[in-house]
Amino acid sequence: MVVKVGINGFGRIGRLAARLTFLKRDDIQVVAVNDLALSPEYMIYQFKYDSAHGGFDGKLDYGEDWISINGQKIQVYKNANPDQVPWGKHEVDVVLECTGVFIKQEAAARHLEGGAKKVIISAPSPDAPMFCMGVNSDGYKGEKVVSNASCTTNCLAPLAAIIHEKYGIVEGLMTTVHASTATQKTVDAPVRGGPSKWRSGRAALNNIIPASTGAAKAVGVVIPELKGKLTGMAFRVPTVDVSVVDLTVKLEKGASEEDIKKTLKEAAESDRFKGIFGYTEEQVVSTDFTSDTRSSIFDAEASVYLTDTFVKLISFYDNEMSYAFRLLQLAAHISK
C-alpha cells in the first residue's frame, strides 16, 4: 500500500519529509503541497540546495501550479485556510501539518474538511494525542488528528522509556544543546513577548542562548508514569544542525555502567527500537550524525556514571532529518 501524503508548509521539515519519500520511503508518495510564501520555482530551488544535508541529486521541474521530482508531479496550492485545500481531490491519506501554526486539534482538523483522512501535527500540541514511534505508538487507536511531538521529545522519550522500564526513574533533569533554528535571529533584533522572551532575540551566530523547552514535560504525556518526574531546558548554540540531549536521572534500581550500556545497546538492536534508537561507543561529534534518521543515538563514552543510581546519559539527534523521518513513519503507522 502506498500512503498518499499532503504537506502543509514547505519549510525545513516539510521539504525534508518530501525528500525522504524519494530517498528512503518509496511506500509514501507526496501528491500535494500547500504553502503561502513559496512559488513552485522557489520550492524547487530550496528542495535542490540544502546547506545542512547537501543537494538533491535528481530530476527537478516546475510549472505555474506544480512541481516535479524525479518525474513525480506534485500539485501546489496557496491557501491560507486548511479547509480550502482540496486534499480529497488527490485522495490524501495523511496531511503533514508543518506550518507550526495549526497545532491545536480543532485547527488541524480543518484539513479533514478538505478531504484528508488524517492529520499529523509536526509539533507538540496542547490537546491532540501525542505519539513517539517505538515508545507509545502501539497505543494509537484510530484518532484522526495526532501530534508527532517535537524533535527533542523524540530523542528523549526512547532513552527515558528504556531506562525507566528497566531501572525506574525517580526524577530527572534534561538539557538539550540544540542547533539553531529558523525562529532565531541572525543579529540582535526585537522579539514579541515579555522579558522572558528577550534572550531569544539575541544573535544566533555568536551566542549560546538559554531557552525553555517543553520536551521533558511532553515525555510525561507519551510515558504517563513519568509525568511530573522530568523537566528541563535548552541551550541554543551556533551550529546548523544536530543537537544532543543530556538526561540526568536518579534511578530506583541500582545499575553499573556496564549494565546500563548493555541495556541500551540491546534496545538499539531490538525490533521495537531498530532505526529509532541507536548506540555508539565511538569518539563522535555532532556532525557525525548529520542526516541520520534515528531519533536518538546514545553516546556511551560521553555519558557519566557517578553512582549506581545517579547517571548522566547523552544522546545525539539530527533535529531535522530524524524528525522528518519519524513523521513519515508515523504517517505509515496510522494508515495501516
C-alpha atoms as a PDB file:
ATOM      1  CA  MET A   1       0.000   0.000   0.000  1.00  0.00           C
ATOM      2  CA  VAL A   2       1.266   3.450  -0.970  1.00  0.00           C
ATOM      3  CA  VAL A   3       0.341   6.148   1.542  1.00  0.00           C
ATOM      4  CA  LYS A   4      -0.592   9.411  -0.184  1.00  0.00           C
ATOM      5  CA  VAL A   5       0.625  12.434   1.740  1.00  0.00           C
ATOM      6  CA  GLY A   6      -0.112  16.145   1.524  1.00  0.00           C
ATOM      7  CA  ILE A   7       2.233  18.678   3.102  1.00  0.00           C
ATOM      8  CA  ASN A   8       1.011  21.958   4.562  1.00  0.00           C
ATOM      9  CA  GLY A   9       4.058  24.210   4.918  1.00  0.00           C
ATOM     10  CA  PHE A  10       7.102  23.526   2.735  1.00  0.00           C
ATOM     11  CA  GLY A  11       9.717  24.724   5.232  1.00  0.00           C
ATOM     12  CA  ARG A  12      12.617  22.793   6.760  1.00  0.00           C
ATOM     13  CA  ILE A  13      10.614  19.797   7.984  1.00  0.00           C
ATOM     14  CA  GLY A  14       8.120  19.731   5.126  1.00  0.00           C
ATOM     15  CA  ARG A  15      10.876  19.752   2.497  1.00  0.00           C
ATOM     16  CA  LEU A  16      12.944  17.105   4.252  1.00  0.00           C
ATOM     17  CA  ALA A  17       9.910  14.871   4.659  1.00  0.00           C
ATOM     18  CA  ALA A  18       9.315  15.200   0.913  1.00  0.00           C
ATOM     19  CA  ARG A  19      12.988  14.472   0.178  1.00  0.00           C
ATOM     20  CA  LEU A  20      12.917  11.360   2.332  1.00  0.00           C
ATOM     21  CA  THR A  21       9.997   9.903   0.380  1.00  0.00           C
ATOM     22  CA  PHE A  22      12.360   9.745  -2.598  1.00  0.00           C
ATOM     23  CA  LEU A  23      15.427   8.593  -0.661  1.00  0.00           C
ATOM     24  CA  LYS A  24      14.128   6.145   1.939  1.00  0.00           C
ATOM     25  CA  ARG A  25      10.324   5.700   1.850  1.00  0.00           C
ATOM     26  CA  ASP A  26       9.043   4.593  -1.543  1.00  0.00           C
ATOM     27  CA  ASP A  27       5.878   3.398   0.219  1.00  0.00           C
ATOM     28  CA  ILE A  28       4.892   7.044   0.763  1.00  0.00           C
ATOM     29  CA  GLN A  29       4.046   9.468  -2.049  1.00  0.00           C
ATOM     30  CA  VAL A  30       3.697  13.243  -1.760  1.00  0.00           C
ATOM     31  CA  VAL A  31       0.817  14.268  -4.016  1.00  0.00           C
ATOM     32  CA  ALA A  32       0.127  17.880  -2.984  1.00  0.00           C
ATOM     33  CA  VAL A  33       1.792  20.760  -1.156  1.00  0.00           C
ATOM     34  CA  ASN A  34       0.235  23.906   0.265  1.00  0.00           C
ATOM     35  CA  ASP A  35       2.421  26.920   1.057  1.00  0.00           C
ATOM     36  CA  LEU A  36       1.523  30.602   1.005  1.00  0.00           C
ATOM     37  CA  ALA A  37       5.019  32.009   0.702  1.00  0.00           C
ATOM     38  CA  LEU A  38       6.791  29.886  -1.888  1.00  0.00           C
ATOM     39  CA  SER A  39       6.349  29.848  -5.646  1.00  0.00           C
ATOM     40  CA  PRO A  40       6.876  26.488  -7.393  1.00  0.00           C
ATOM     41  CA  GLU A  41      10.175  27.810  -8.771  1.00  0.00           C
ATOM     42  CA  TYR A  42      11.386  28.732  -5.281  1.00  0.00           C
ATOM     43  CA  MET A  43      10.188  25.394  -3.890  1.00  0.00           C
ATOM     44  CA  ILE A  44      12.363  23.567  -6.393  1.00  0.00           C
ATOM     45  CA  TYR A  45      15.351  25.795  -5.601  1.00  0.00           C
ATOM     46  CA  GLN A  46      15.048  25.146  -1.864  1.00  0.00           C
ATOM     47  CA  PHE A  47      14.448  21.460  -2.445  1.00  0.00           C
ATOM     48  CA  LYS A  48      17.546  21.143  -4.637  1.00  0.00           C
ATOM     49  CA  TYR A  49      20.002  23.006  -2.399  1.00  0.00           C
ATOM     50  CA  ASP A  50      20.355  22.369   1.322  1.00  0.00           C
ATOM     51  CA  SER A  51      23.121  23.854   3.460  1.00  0.00           C
ATOM     52  CA  ALA A  52      22.890  21.112   6.075  1.00  0.00           C
ATOM     53  CA  HIS A  53      22.131  17.965   4.108  1.00  0.00           C
ATOM     54  CA  GLY A  54      23.593  18.668   0.687  1.00  0.00           C
ATOM     55  CA  GLY A  55      21.990  18.899  -2.717  1.00  0.00           C
ATOM     56  CA  PHE A  56      19.296  16.619  -4.097  1.00  0.00           C
ATOM     57  CA  ASP A  57      20.632  14.577  -6.990  1.00  0.00           C
ATOM     58  CA  GLY A  58      17.544  14.078  -9.096  1.00  0.00           C
ATOM     59  CA  LYS A  59      15.417  15.441 -11.901  1.00  0.00           C
ATOM     60  CA  LEU A  60      13.517  18.569 -10.878  1.00  0.00           C
ATOM     61  CA  ASP A  61      10.987  20.702 -12.750  1.00  0.00           C
ATOM     62  CA  TYR A  62       8.134  23.102 -12.060  1.00  0.00           C
ATOM     63  CA  GLY A  63       5.180  24.853 -13.629  1.00  0.00           C
ATOM     64  CA  GLU A  64       2.678  27.520 -12.676  1.00  0.00           C
ATOM     65  CA  ASP A  65       0.980  25.394 -10.017  1.00  0.00           C
ATOM     66  CA  TRP A  66       3.055  22.247  -9.740  1.00  0.00           C
ATOM     67  CA  ILE A  67       6.488  20.868  -9.055  1.00  0.00           C
ATOM     68  CA  SER A  68       8.003  17.640 -10.340  1.00  0.00           C
ATOM     69  CA  ILE A  69      10.586  15.500  -8.526  1.00  0.00           C
ATOM     70  CA  ASN A  70      12.099  12.557 -10.403  1.00  0.00           C
ATOM     71  CA  GLY A  71       9.143  12.631 -12.759  1.00  0.00           C
ATOM     72  CA  GLN A  72       6.552  12.656  -9.974  1.00  0.00           C
ATOM     73  CA  LYS A  73       4.191  15.605 -10.323  1.00  0.00           C
ATOM     74  CA  ILE A  74       3.074  17.308  -7.117  1.00  0.00           C
ATOM     75  CA  GLN A  75       0.233  19.830  -7.120  1.00  0.00           C
ATOM     76  CA  VAL A  76       0.967  23.166  -5.429  1.00  0.00           C
ATOM     77  CA  TYR A  77      -1.668  25.253  -3.627  1.00  0.00           C
ATOM     78  CA  LYS A  78      -1.513  28.614  -1.863  1.00  0.00           C
ATOM     79  CA  ASN A  79      -4.486  28.617   0.509  1.00  0.00           C
ATOM     80  CA  ALA A  80      -4.420  30.312   3.907  1.00  0.00           C
ATOM     81  CA  ASN A  81      -7.239  28.176   5.263  1.00  0.00           C
ATOM     82  CA  PRO A  82      -6.636  24.428   5.687  1.00  0.00           C
ATOM     83  CA  ASP A  83     -10.244  23.552   4.862  1.00  0.00           C
ATOM     84  CA  GLN A  84      -9.872  25.183   1.429  1.00  0.00           C
ATOM     85  CA  VAL A  85      -7.052  22.896   0.276  1.00  0.00           C
ATOM     86  CA  PRO A  86      -8.668  20.144  -1.858  1.00  0.00           C
ATOM     87  CA  TRP A  87      -6.812  17.223  -0.310  1.00  0.00           C
ATOM     88  CA  GLY A  88      -9.685  14.931  -1.183  1.00  0.00           C
ATOM     89  CA  LYS A  89      -9.157  15.573  -4.880  1.00  0.00           C
ATOM     90  CA  HIS A  90      -5.761  13.912  -4.527  1.00  0.00           C
ATOM     91  CA  GLU A  91      -7.003  11.122  -2.236  1.00  0.00           C
ATOM     92  CA  VAL A  92      -4.670  12.262   0.537  1.00  0.00           C
ATOM     93  CA  ASP A  93      -4.395   9.730   3.352  1.00  0.00           C
ATOM     94  CA  VAL A  94      -2.397  11.922   5.727  1.00  0.00           C
ATOM     95  CA  VAL A  95      -1.638  15.648   5.816  1.00  0.00           C
ATOM     96  CA  LEU A  96       1.644  16.607   7.447  1.00  0.00           C
ATOM     97  CA  GLU A  97       0.811  19.894   9.150  1.00  0.00           C
ATOM     98  CA  CYS A  98       4.230  21.574   9.069  1.00  0.00           C
ATOM     99  CA  THR A  99       3.447  25.282   9.326  1.00  0.00           C
ATOM    100  CA  GLY A 100       3.755  25.482  13.105  1.00  0.00           C
ATOM    101  CA  VAL A 101       0.503  27.475  13.064  1.00  0.00           C
ATOM    102  CA  PHE A 102      -2.276  24.892  13.298  1.00  0.00           C
ATOM    103  CA  ILE A 103      -1.069  22.994  16.351  1.00  0.00           C
ATOM    104  CA  LYS A 104      -4.360  22.715  18.207  1.00  0.00           C
ATOM    105  CA  GLN A 105      -6.526  19.735  17.401  1.00  0.00           C
ATOM    106  CA  GLU A 106      -9.518  21.742  16.200  1.00  0.00           C
ATOM    107  CA  ALA A 107      -7.394  23.914  13.903  1.00  0.00           C
ATOM    108  CA  ALA A 108      -5.519  20.961  12.398  1.00  0.00           C
ATOM    109  CA  ALA A 109      -8.796  19.089  11.927  1.00  0.00           C
ATOM    110  CA  ARG A 110      -9.799  21.639   9.312  1.00  0.00           C
ATOM    111  CA  HIS A 111      -7.662  19.656   6.858  1.00  0.00           C
ATOM    112  CA  LEU A 112     -10.255  16.895   7.215  1.00  0.00           C
ATOM    113  CA  GLU A 113     -12.879  19.246   5.778  1.00  0.00           C
ATOM    114  CA  GLY A 114     -10.719  19.483   2.659  1.00  0.00           C
ATOM    115  CA  GLY A 115     -10.882  15.722   2.245  1.00  0.00           C
ATOM    116  CA  ALA A 116      -7.803  14.490   4.081  1.00  0.00           C
ATOM    117  CA  LYS A 117      -8.335  11.275   6.022  1.00  0.00           C
ATOM    118  CA  LYS A 118      -5.919  12.041   8.854  1.00  0.00           C
ATOM    119  CA  VAL A 119      -3.550  14.765  10.049  1.00  0.00           C
ATOM    120  CA  ILE A 120      -0.194  14.711  11.823  1.00  0.00           C
ATOM    121  CA  ILE A 121       0.918  17.919  13.538  1.00  0.00           C
ATOM    122  CA  SER A 122       4.692  18.357  13.264  1.00  0.00           C
ATOM    123  CA  ALA A 123       4.966  19.996  16.685  1.00  0.00           C
ATOM    124  CA  PRO A 124       3.842  19.414  20.252  1.00  0.00           C
ATOM    125  CA  SER A 125       0.109  20.028  20.551  1.00  0.00           C
ATOM    126  CA  PRO A 126      -1.694  21.306  23.641  1.00  0.00           C
ATOM    127  CA  ASP A 127      -4.642  18.962  23.084  1.00  0.00           C
ATOM    128  CA  ALA A 128      -4.036  16.426  20.282  1.00  0.00           C
ATOM    129  CA  PRO A 129      -2.907  12.887  21.147  1.00  0.00           C
ATOM    130  CA  MET A 130       0.894  12.769  21.032  1.00  0.00           C
ATOM    131  CA  PHE A 131       2.881   9.800  19.739  1.00  0.00           C
ATOM    132  CA  CYS A 132       6.575   8.909  19.606  1.00  0.00           C
ATOM    133  CA  MET A 133       7.386   5.905  17.442  1.00  0.00           C
ATOM    134  CA  GLY A 134       8.595   2.922  19.450  1.00  0.00           C
ATOM    135  CA  VAL A 135       7.511   4.496  22.728  1.00  0.00           C
ATOM    136  CA  ASN A 136       3.719   4.769  22.741  1.00  0.00           C
ATOM    137  CA  SER A 137       2.847   4.318  19.060  1.00  0.00           C
ATOM    138  CA  ASP A 138       1.238   0.944  19.793  1.00  0.00           C
ATOM    139  CA  GLY A 139      -1.405   2.905  21.692  1.00  0.00           C
ATOM    140  CA  TYR A 140      -2.749   4.535  18.535  1.00  0.00           C
ATOM    141  CA  LYS A 141      -6.492   3.877  18.345  1.00  0.00           C
ATOM    142  CA  GLY A 142      -7.556   5.462  15.069  1.00  0.00           C
ATOM    143  CA  GLU A 143      -7.523   9.134  16.067  1.00  0.00           C
ATOM    144  CA  LYS A 144      -7.937  11.456  13.070  1.00  0.00           C
ATOM    145  CA  VAL A 145      -5.569  14.184  14.325  1.00  0.00           C
ATOM    146  CA  VAL A 146      -2.358  13.391  16.175  1.00  0.00           C
ATOM    147  CA  SER A 147       0.912  15.099  17.111  1.00  0.00           C
ATOM    148  CA  ASN A 148       4.413  13.795  16.389  1.00  0.00           C
ATOM    149  CA  ALA A 149       5.652  15.705  19.468  1.00  0.00           C
ATOM    150  CA  SER A 150       8.955  17.572  18.993  1.00  0.00           C
ATOM    151  CA  CYS A 151      12.359  16.509  17.722  1.00  0.00           C
ATOM    152  CA  THR A 152      13.748  16.735  21.261  1.00  0.00           C
ATOM    153  CA  THR A 153      10.904  14.695  22.748  1.00  0.00           C
ATOM    154  CA  ASN A 154      11.533  12.064  20.067  1.00  0.00           C
ATOM    155  CA  CYS A 155      15.168  11.911  21.203  1.00  0.00           C
ATOM    156  CA  LEU A 156      14.433  11.907  24.914  1.00  0.00           C
ATOM    157  CA  ALA A 157      11.411   9.587  25.020  1.00  0.00           C
ATOM    158  CA  PRO A 158      13.074   6.365  23.758  1.00  0.00           C
ATOM    159  CA  LEU A 159      16.041   6.859  26.097  1.00  0.00           C
ATOM    160  CA  ALA A 160      13.782   7.581  29.064  1.00  0.00           C
ATOM    161  CA  ALA A 161      11.477   4.676  28.215  1.00  0.00           C
ATOM    162  CA  ILE A 162      14.308   2.143  28.035  1.00  0.00           C
ATOM    163  CA  ILE A 163      15.862   3.315  31.298  1.00  0.00           C
ATOM    164  CA  HIS A 164      12.551   3.615  33.147  1.00  0.00           C
ATOM    165  CA  GLU A 165      11.293   0.203  32.080  1.00  0.00           C
ATOM    166  CA  LYS A 166      14.497  -1.492  33.269  1.00  0.00           C
ATOM    167  CA  TYR A 167      15.601   0.536  36.286  1.00  0.00           C
ATOM    168  CA  GLY A 168      12.835   3.012  37.119  1.00  0.00           C
ATOM    169  CA  ILE A 169      13.309   6.787  37.045  1.00  0.00           C
ATOM    170  CA  VAL A 170      12.693   8.552  40.337  1.00  0.00           C
ATOM    171  CA  GLU A 171      13.253  12.039  38.918  1.00  0.00           C
ATOM    172  CA  GLY A 172      15.456  13.778  36.409  1.00  0.00           C
ATOM    173  CA  LEU A 173      16.573  16.883  34.598  1.00  0.00           C
ATOM    174  CA  MET A 174      17.031  17.190  30.851  1.00  0.00           C
ATOM    175  CA  THR A 175      19.111  19.693  28.910  1.00  0.00           C
ATOM    176  CA  THR A 176      19.179  19.829  25.145  1.00  0.00           C
ATOM    177  CA  VAL A 177      22.111  21.549  23.470  1.00  0.00           C
ATOM    178  CA  HIS A 178      20.176  22.493  20.380  1.00  0.00           C
ATOM    179  CA  ALA A 179      21.290  23.657  16.945  1.00  0.00           C
ATOM    180  CA  SER A 180      19.920  26.991  15.764  1.00  0.00           C
ATOM    181  CA  THR A 181      16.559  27.074  14.008  1.00  0.00           C
ATOM    182  CA  ALA A 182      14.633  29.378  11.681  1.00  0.00           C
ATOM    183  CA  THR A 183      12.831  31.051  14.588  1.00  0.00           C
ATOM    184  CA  GLN A 184      16.067  32.659  15.802  1.00  0.00           C
ATOM    185  CA  LYS A 185      17.640  35.949  14.737  1.00  0.00           C
ATOM    186  CA  THR A 186      20.925  36.194  12.839  1.00  0.00           C
ATOM    187  CA  VAL A 187      21.664  39.511  14.602  1.00  0.00           C
ATOM    188  CA  ASP A 188      20.171  41.073  17.730  1.00  0.00           C
ATOM    189  CA  ALA A 189      16.566  42.006  16.986  1.00  0.00           C
ATOM    190  CA  PRO A 190      13.297  42.687  18.796  1.00  0.00           C
ATOM    191  CA  VAL A 191      11.007  39.770  19.602  1.00  0.00           C
ATOM    192  CA  ARG A 192       7.429  39.593  20.765  1.00  0.00           C
ATOM    193  CA  GLY A 193       6.664  38.807  24.387  1.00  0.00           C
ATOM    194  CA  GLY A 194       7.858  39.996  27.761  1.00  0.00           C
ATOM    195  CA  PRO A 195      11.306  39.856  29.371  1.00  0.00           C
ATOM    196  CA  SER A 196      11.272  36.053  29.476  1.00  0.00           C
ATOM    197  CA  LYS A 197      11.460  36.082  25.651  1.00  0.00           C
ATOM    198  CA  TRP A 198      14.145  38.732  25.232  1.00  0.00           C
ATOM    199  CA  ARG A 199      17.087  36.345  25.079  1.00  0.00           C
ATOM    200  CA  SER A 200      15.538  34.603  22.052  1.00  0.00           C
ATOM    201  CA  GLY A 201      16.082  37.816  20.098  1.00  0.00           C
ATOM    202  CA  ARG A 202      19.857  37.749  20.544  1.00  0.00           C
ATOM    203  CA  ALA A 203      22.100  36.830  17.604  1.00  0.00           C
ATOM    204  CA  ALA A 204      22.183  33.101  16.876  1.00  0.00           C
ATOM    205  CA  LEU A 205      25.565  33.338  15.141  1.00  0.00           C
ATOM    206  CA  ASN A 206      27.734  34.091  18.170  1.00  0.00           C
ATOM    207  CA  ASN A 207      25.763  33.223  21.286  1.00  0.00           C
ATOM    208  CA  ILE A 208      24.856  30.287  23.486  1.00  0.00           C
ATOM    209  CA  ILE A 209      21.278  31.150  24.366  1.00  0.00           C
ATOM    210  CA  PRO A 210      19.404  29.615  27.323  1.00  0.00           C
ATOM    211  CA  ALA A 211      15.840  28.796  26.315  1.00  0.00           C
ATOM    212  CA  SER A 212      12.797  26.965  27.552  1.00  0.00           C
ATOM    213  CA  THR A 213      11.667  23.604  26.202  1.00  0.00           C
ATOM    214  CA  GLY A 214       8.611  21.513  26.877  1.00  0.00           C
ATOM    215  CA  ALA A 215      10.284  18.318  25.703  1.00  0.00           C
ATOM    216  CA  ALA A 216      10.845  16.807  29.130  1.00  0.00           C
ATOM    217  CA  LYS A 217       7.305  17.522  30.269  1.00  0.00           C
ATOM    218  CA  ALA A 218       5.980  16.125  26.978  1.00  0.00           C
ATOM    219  CA  VAL A 219       7.653  12.817  27.819  1.00  0.00           C
ATOM    220  CA  GLY A 220       5.146  12.639  30.665  1.00  0.00           C
ATOM    221  CA  VAL A 221       2.408  12.629  28.021  1.00  0.00           C
ATOM    222  CA  VAL A 222       3.837   9.777  25.965  1.00  0.00           C
ATOM    223  CA  ILE A 223       5.049   7.934  29.093  1.00  0.00           C
ATOM    224  CA  PRO A 224       2.393   8.706  31.745  1.00  0.00           C
ATOM    225  CA  GLU A 225       4.427   7.039  34.522  1.00  0.00           C
ATOM    226  CA  LEU A 226       6.995   9.837  34.144  1.00  0.00           C
ATOM    227  CA  LYS A 227       4.525  12.693  34.441  1.00  0.00           C
ATOM    228  CA  GLY A 228       5.893  15.246  36.910  1.00  0.00           C
ATOM    229  CA  LYS A 229       9.236  13.424  37.204  1.00  0.00           C
ATOM    230  CA  LEU A 230      11.129  15.203  34.429  1.00  0.00           C
ATOM    231  CA  THR A 231      11.681  18.808  33.457  1.00  0.00           C
ATOM    232  CA  GLY A 232      14.400  20.648  31.583  1.00  0.00           C
ATOM    233  CA  MET A 233      15.752  23.481  29.496  1.00  0.00           C
ATOM    234  CA  ALA A 234      17.608  24.157  26.256  1.00  0.00           C
ATOM    235  CA  PHE A 235      20.769  25.907  25.153  1.00  0.00           C
ATOM    236  CA  ARG A 236      20.574  27.182  21.577  1.00  0.00           C
ATOM    237  CA  VAL A 237      24.065  27.047  20.055  1.00  0.00           C
ATOM    238  CA  PRO A 238      25.501  28.438  16.780  1.00  0.00           C
ATOM    239  CA  THR A 239      25.528  25.231  14.747  1.00  0.00           C
ATOM    240  CA  VAL A 240      23.410  24.486  11.681  1.00  0.00           C
ATOM    241  CA  ASP A 241      22.102  21.047  12.544  1.00  0.00           C
ATOM    242  CA  VAL A 242      22.295  18.135  15.024  1.00  0.00           C
ATOM    243  CA  SER A 243      21.543  18.505  18.714  1.00  0.00           C
ATOM    244  CA  VAL A 244      22.258  16.497  21.851  1.00  0.00           C
ATOM    245  CA  VAL A 245      20.222  15.590  24.923  1.00  0.00           C
ATOM    246  CA  ASP A 246      21.731  15.359  28.410  1.00  0.00           C
ATOM    247  CA  LEU A 247      19.409  13.336  30.640  1.00  0.00           C
ATOM    248  CA  THR A 248      20.497  13.270  34.278  1.00  0.00           C
ATOM    249  CA  VAL A 249      18.391  10.902  36.369  1.00  0.00           C
ATOM    250  CA  LYS A 250      18.076   9.255  39.745  1.00  0.00           C
ATOM    251  CA  LEU A 251      17.276   5.557  39.366  1.00  0.00           C
ATOM    252  CA  GLU A 252      15.089   3.361  41.558  1.00  0.00           C
ATOM    253  CA  LYS A 253      17.216   0.260  40.972  1.00  0.00           C
ATOM    254  CA  GLY A 254      20.981   0.459  41.061  1.00  0.00           C
ATOM    255  CA  ALA A 255      22.902  -0.439  37.918  1.00  0.00           C
ATOM    256  CA  SER A 256      26.557  -0.457  36.947  1.00  0.00           C
ATOM    257  CA  GLU A 257      27.930   1.413  33.963  1.00  0.00           C
ATOM    258  CA  GLU A 258      28.285  -1.907  32.140  1.00  0.00           C
ATOM    259  CA  ASP A 259      24.679  -2.872  32.912  1.00  0.00           C
ATOM    260  CA  ILE A 260      23.316   0.404  31.572  1.00  0.00           C
ATOM    261  CA  LYS A 261      25.405   0.208  28.404  1.00  0.00           C
ATOM    262  CA  LYS A 262      24.296  -3.380  27.827  1.00  0.00           C
ATOM    263  CA  THR A 263      20.642  -2.463  28.290  1.00  0.00           C
ATOM    264  CA  LEU A 264      20.804   0.438  25.862  1.00  0.00           C
ATOM    265  CA  LYS A 265      22.806  -1.495  23.268  1.00  0.00           C
ATOM    266  CA  GLU A 266      20.306  -4.344  23.333  1.00  0.00           C
ATOM    267  CA  ALA A 267      17.442  -1.878  22.969  1.00  0.00           C
ATOM    268  CA  ALA A 268      19.087  -0.319  19.920  1.00  0.00           C
ATOM    269  CA  GLU A 269      19.209  -3.755  18.306  1.00  0.00           C
ATOM    270  CA  SER A 270      15.644  -4.719  19.255  1.00  0.00           C
ATOM    271  CA  ASP A 271      12.732  -4.862  16.823  1.00  0.00           C
ATOM    272  CA  ARG A 272      10.956  -2.216  18.884  1.00  0.00           C
ATOM    273  CA  PHE A 273      13.633   0.456  18.573  1.00  0.00           C
ATOM    274  CA  LYS A 274      15.598  -0.566  15.477  1.00  0.00           C
ATOM    275  CA  GLY A 275      16.030   2.508  13.278  1.00  0.00           C
ATOM    276  CA  ILE A 276      14.690   4.749  16.057  1.00  0.00           C
ATOM    277  CA  PHE A 277      17.232   4.407  18.861  1.00  0.00           C
ATOM    278  CA  GLY A 278      20.953   3.921  18.315  1.00  0.00           C
ATOM    279  CA  TYR A 279      24.074   3.150  20.344  1.00  0.00           C
ATOM    280  CA  THR A 280      27.699   4.125  19.844  1.00  0.00           C
ATOM    281  CA  GLU A 281      30.992   3.802  21.702  1.00  0.00           C
ATOM    282  CA  GLU A 282      32.902   5.735  19.035  1.00  0.00           C
ATOM    283  CA  GLN A 283      34.577   9.103  19.693  1.00  0.00           C
ATOM    284  CA  VAL A 284      31.883  11.001  17.807  1.00  0.00           C
ATOM    285  CA  VAL A 285      30.909  14.672  17.493  1.00  0.00           C
ATOM    286  CA  SER A 286      27.696  16.298  16.311  1.00  0.00           C
ATOM    287  CA  THR A 287      28.417  16.465  12.571  1.00  0.00           C
ATOM    288  CA  ASP A 288      28.889  12.700  12.534  1.00  0.00           C
ATOM    289  CA  PHE A 289      25.111  12.467  12.845  1.00  0.00           C
ATOM    290  CA  THR A 290      24.096  14.879  10.092  1.00  0.00           C
ATOM    291  CA  SER A 291      21.255  13.331   8.069  1.00  0.00           C
ATOM    292  CA  ASP A 292      20.960  10.384  10.476  1.00  0.00           C
ATOM    293  CA  THR A 293      17.308   9.322  10.562  1.00  0.00           C
ATOM    294  CA  ARG A 294      17.474   7.738  14.021  1.00  0.00           C
ATOM    295  CA  SER A 295      15.764   9.859  16.663  1.00  0.00           C
ATOM    296  CA  SER A 296      18.222   9.177  19.464  1.00  0.00           C
ATOM    297  CA  ILE A 297      21.783   7.825  19.378  1.00  0.00           C
ATOM    298  CA  PHE A 298      23.171   7.074  22.846  1.00  0.00           C
ATOM    299  CA  ASP A 299      26.806   8.092  23.308  1.00  0.00           C
ATOM    300  CA  ALA A 300      28.125   5.575  25.819  1.00  0.00           C
ATOM    301  CA  GLU A 301      31.548   7.199  26.148  1.00  0.00           C
ATOM    302  CA  ALA A 302      30.262  10.746  26.745  1.00  0.00           C
ATOM    303  CA  SER A 303      27.841   9.641  29.443  1.00  0.00           C
ATOM    304  CA  VAL A 304      28.774   9.897  33.140  1.00  0.00           C
ATOM    305  CA  TYR A 305      28.031   7.283  35.787  1.00  0.00           C
ATOM    306  CA  LEU A 306      28.505   8.891  39.218  1.00  0.00           C
ATOM    307  CA  THR A 307      26.879   6.190  41.340  1.00  0.00           C
ATOM    308  CA  ASP A 308      24.746   3.161  40.565  1.00  0.00           C
ATOM    309  CA  THR A 309      21.588   5.278  40.992  1.00  0.00           C
ATOM    310  CA  PHE A 310      22.704   8.663  39.634  1.00  0.00           C
ATOM    311  CA  VAL A 311      23.732   8.919  35.984  1.00  0.00           C
ATOM    312  CA  LYS A 312      24.083  11.418  33.143  1.00  0.00           C
ATOM    313  CA  LEU A 313      23.054   9.939  29.779  1.00  0.00           C
ATOM    314  CA  ILE A 314      23.999  11.612  26.485  1.00  0.00           C
ATOM    315  CA  SER A 315      22.151  11.083  23.217  1.00  0.00           C
ATOM    316  CA  PHE A 316      22.592  12.804  19.831  1.00  0.00           C
ATOM    317  CA  TYR A 317      19.899  13.517  17.239  1.00  0.00           C
ATOM    318  CA  ASP A 318      19.643  15.227  13.885  1.00  0.00           C
ATOM    319  CA  ASN A 319      16.848  17.559  14.908  1.00  0.00           C
ATOM    320  CA  GLU A 320      15.732  17.991  11.293  1.00  0.00           C
ATOM    321  CA  MET A 321      16.194  14.753   9.369  1.00  0.00           C
ATOM    322  CA  SER A 322      15.315  12.296  12.128  1.00  0.00           C
ATOM    323  CA  TYR A 323      12.155  14.222  12.966  1.00  0.00           C
ATOM    324  CA  ALA A 324      11.060  14.380   9.310  1.00  0.00           C
ATOM    325  CA  PHE A 325      11.616  10.630   9.037  1.00  0.00           C
ATOM    326  CA  ARG A 326       9.526   9.957  12.161  1.00  0.00           C
ATOM    327  CA  LEU A 327       6.700  11.974  10.582  1.00  0.00           C
ATOM    328  CA  LEU A 328       6.700   9.621   7.620  1.00  0.00           C
ATOM    329  CA  GLN A 329       6.964   6.561   9.843  1.00  0.00           C
ATOM    330  CA  LEU A 330       4.016   7.761  11.907  1.00  0.00           C
ATOM    331  CA  ALA A 331       2.055   8.509   8.716  1.00  0.00           C
ATOM    332  CA  ALA A 332       2.538   4.924   7.548  1.00  0.00           C
ATOM    333  CA  HIS A 333       1.689   3.617  11.026  1.00  0.00           C
ATOM    334  CA  ILE A 334      -1.656   5.421  11.308  1.00  0.00           C
ATOM    335  CA  SER A 335      -2.596   4.457   7.739  1.00  0.00           C
ATOM    336  CA  LYS A 336      -2.480   0.711   8.357  1.00  0.00           C
END
